[in-house]
C-alpha atoms as a PDB file:
ATOM      1  CA  MET A   1      -0.096   0.034   0.111  1.00  0.00           C
ATOM      2  CA  ALA A   2       0.965   2.956  -0.627  1.00  0.00           C
ATOM      3  CA  GLY A   3       1.881   6.443   1.397  1.00  0.00           C
ATOM      4  CA  VAL A   4      -1.103   8.871   1.560  1.00  0.00           C
ATOM      5  CA  PHE A   5      -1.446  12.658   1.728  1.00  0.00           C
ATOM      6  CA  GLU A   6      -4.148  14.693   2.933  1.00  0.00           C
ATOM      7  CA  ILE A   7      -4.853  17.979   3.074  1.00  0.00           C
ATOM      8  CA  ALA A   8      -6.407  19.730   6.139  1.00  0.00           C
ATOM      9  CA  ALA A   9      -7.446  22.616   7.518  1.00  0.00           C
ATOM     10  CA  ALA A  10      -5.214  24.809   9.782  1.00  0.00           C
ATOM     11  CA  GLY A  11      -8.266  27.823  10.466  1.00  0.00           C
ATOM     12  CA  ASP A  12     -10.574  29.459   9.287  1.00  0.00           C
ATOM     13  CA  GLU A  13      -7.993  30.040   5.671  1.00  0.00           C
ATOM     14  CA  SER A  14      -4.986  27.778   5.816  1.00  0.00           C
ATOM     15  CA  TYR A  15      -4.554  24.310   4.660  1.00  0.00           C
ATOM     16  CA  PHE A  16      -1.822  22.373   4.651  1.00  0.00           C
ATOM     17  CA  PHE A  17      -1.215  19.065   3.927  1.00  0.00           C
ATOM     18  CA  LYS A  18       0.969  15.906   5.231  1.00  0.00           C
ATOM     19  CA  LEU A  19       1.937  12.293   3.716  1.00  0.00           C
ATOM     20  CA  THR A  20       1.235   9.571   5.804  1.00  0.00           C
ATOM     21  CA  ALA A  21       3.101   6.242   5.648  1.00  0.00           C
ATOM     22  CA  PRO A  22       0.915   2.689   4.967  1.00  0.00           C
ATOM     23  CA  ASP A  23       2.590   2.420   8.973  1.00  0.00           C
ATOM     24  CA  GLY A  24       0.705   5.919   9.183  1.00  0.00           C
ATOM     25  CA  THR A  25       4.222   7.364  10.349  1.00  0.00           C
ATOM     26  CA  VAL A  26       4.258  10.821   9.247  1.00  0.00           C
ATOM     27  CA  VAL A  27       6.551  11.721   7.504  1.00  0.00           C
ATOM     28  CA  ALA A  28       5.872  14.886   6.095  1.00  0.00           C
ATOM     29  CA  VAL A  29       3.990  18.242   6.457  1.00  0.00           C
ATOM     30  CA  SER A  30       3.565  20.924   4.288  1.00  0.00           C
ATOM     31  CA  PRO A  31       4.087  24.489   4.827  1.00  0.00           C
ATOM     32  CA  LEU A  32       0.582  26.578   4.654  1.00  0.00           C
ATOM     33  CA  PHE A  33      -0.935  27.303   1.622  1.00  0.00           C
ATOM     34  CA  ASN A  34      -4.203  30.150   1.120  1.00  0.00           C
ATOM     35  CA  THR A  35      -5.740  27.799  -1.192  1.00  0.00           C
ATOM     36  CA  ILE A  36      -6.544  24.579  -1.246  1.00  0.00           C
ATOM     37  CA  LYS A  37      -5.792  24.180  -4.704  1.00  0.00           C
ATOM     38  CA  GLY A  38      -2.249  25.713  -3.558  1.00  0.00           C
ATOM     39  CA  ALA A  39      -1.856  22.540  -1.530  1.00  0.00           C
ATOM     40  CA  ALA A  40      -3.600  20.909  -4.167  1.00  0.00           C
ATOM     41  CA  ALA A  41      -0.556  22.193  -6.241  1.00  0.00           C
ATOM     42  CA  GLY A  42       1.840  21.195  -3.439  1.00  0.00           C
ATOM     43  CA  ILE A  43       1.306  17.943  -3.311  1.00  0.00           C
ATOM     44  CA  THR A  44       1.663  17.946  -6.827  1.00  0.00           C
ATOM     45  CA  ALA A  45       5.008  19.394  -6.889  1.00  0.00           C
ATOM     46  CA  VAL A  46       5.981  16.739  -4.208  1.00  0.00           C
ATOM     47  CA  ARG A  47       5.047  14.101  -5.801  1.00  0.00           C
ATOM     48  CA  GLU A  48       6.850  14.913  -8.968  1.00  0.00           C
ATOM     49  CA  ASN A  49      10.128  16.022  -7.805  1.00  0.00           C
ATOM     50  CA  ALA A  50      10.306  13.111  -4.801  1.00  0.00           C
ATOM     51  CA  ALA A  51      11.433  10.056  -7.222  1.00  0.00           C
ATOM     52  CA  THR A  52      14.280  11.788  -9.203  1.00  0.00           C
ATOM     53  CA  GLY A  53      15.449  14.541  -6.228  1.00  0.00           C
ATOM     54  CA  LEU A  54      18.680  14.079  -4.709  1.00  0.00           C
ATOM     55  CA  VAL A  55      19.654  13.919  -0.652  1.00  0.00           C
ATOM     56  CA  VAL A  56      21.479  16.112   0.071  1.00  0.00           C
ATOM     57  CA  ASP A  57      23.432  15.882   3.803  1.00  0.00           C
ATOM     58  CA  ARG A  58      24.150  19.580   5.016  1.00  0.00           C
ATOM     59  CA  SER A  59      24.669  18.418   8.886  1.00  0.00           C
ATOM     60  CA  ALA A  60      27.110  19.363  10.458  1.00  0.00           C
ATOM     61  CA  ARG A  61      29.546  15.867  10.704  1.00  0.00           C
ATOM     62  CA  LYS A  62      32.507  15.761   8.056  1.00  0.00           C
ATOM     63  CA  ALA A  63      31.906  13.315   4.829  1.00  0.00           C
ATOM     64  CA  VAL A  64      33.608  10.401   5.270  1.00  0.00           C
ATOM     65  CA  THR A  65      35.736   9.045   2.750  1.00  0.00           C
ATOM     66  CA  GLN A  66      36.471   6.061   1.218  1.00  0.00           C
ATOM     67  CA  SER A  67      39.213   4.409  -0.578  1.00  0.00           C
ATOM     68  CA  ALA A  68      38.580   2.780  -3.989  1.00  0.00           C
ATOM     69  CA  SER A  69      40.757  -0.619  -3.368  1.00  0.00           C
ATOM     70  CA  LYS A  70      38.273  -1.660  -0.236  1.00  0.00           C
ATOM     71  CA  PRO A  71      34.384  -1.079  -1.425  1.00  0.00           C
ATOM     72  CA  ALA A  72      32.196  -1.308   1.293  1.00  0.00           C
ATOM     73  CA  ALA A  73      30.860  -3.720   2.852  1.00  0.00           C
ATOM     74  CA  THR A  74      26.868  -3.666   2.677  1.00  0.00           C
ATOM     75  CA  SER A  75      23.949  -5.316   4.414  1.00  0.00           C
ATOM     76  CA  SER A  76      21.423  -4.523   1.702  1.00  0.00           C
ATOM     77  CA  SER A  77      20.738  -5.727  -0.702  1.00  0.00           C
ATOM     78  CA  ARG A  78      19.257  -2.010  -1.841  1.00  0.00           C
ATOM     79  CA  PRO A  79      21.845   0.333  -3.528  1.00  0.00           C
ATOM     80  CA  ALA A  80      23.013   3.391  -1.330  1.00  0.00           C
ATOM     81  CA  PRO A  81      21.389   6.732  -1.931  1.00  0.00           C
ATOM     82  CA  LEU A  82      22.471   8.970  -3.646  1.00  0.00           C
ATOM     83  CA  LEU A  83      24.041  11.803  -1.372  1.00  0.00           C
ATOM     84  CA  THR A  84      25.538  14.708  -1.952  1.00  0.00           C
ATOM     85  CA  SER A  85      27.094  17.463  -0.047  1.00  0.00           C
ATOM     86  CA  ARG A  86      26.585  21.266  -0.823  1.00  0.00           C
END
């Protein structure tokens, strides 16, 4: 089952959406929009960009570099995520 986008009112004239995972975990909450159409457009933008978006690590920790002669041991068969630092 896929996640669910929900649009909700935040006061009299503001709206937001949240993305909830199948297990009920809230994955993302949007900023406020002035209209329901604006919130729906935000959902469309997330759906179009999320699948192709890069992950950018803006944490304070230093990036770990790895020697090309020693590949990393992974416990997962999934490919590593794309990370960039800026």
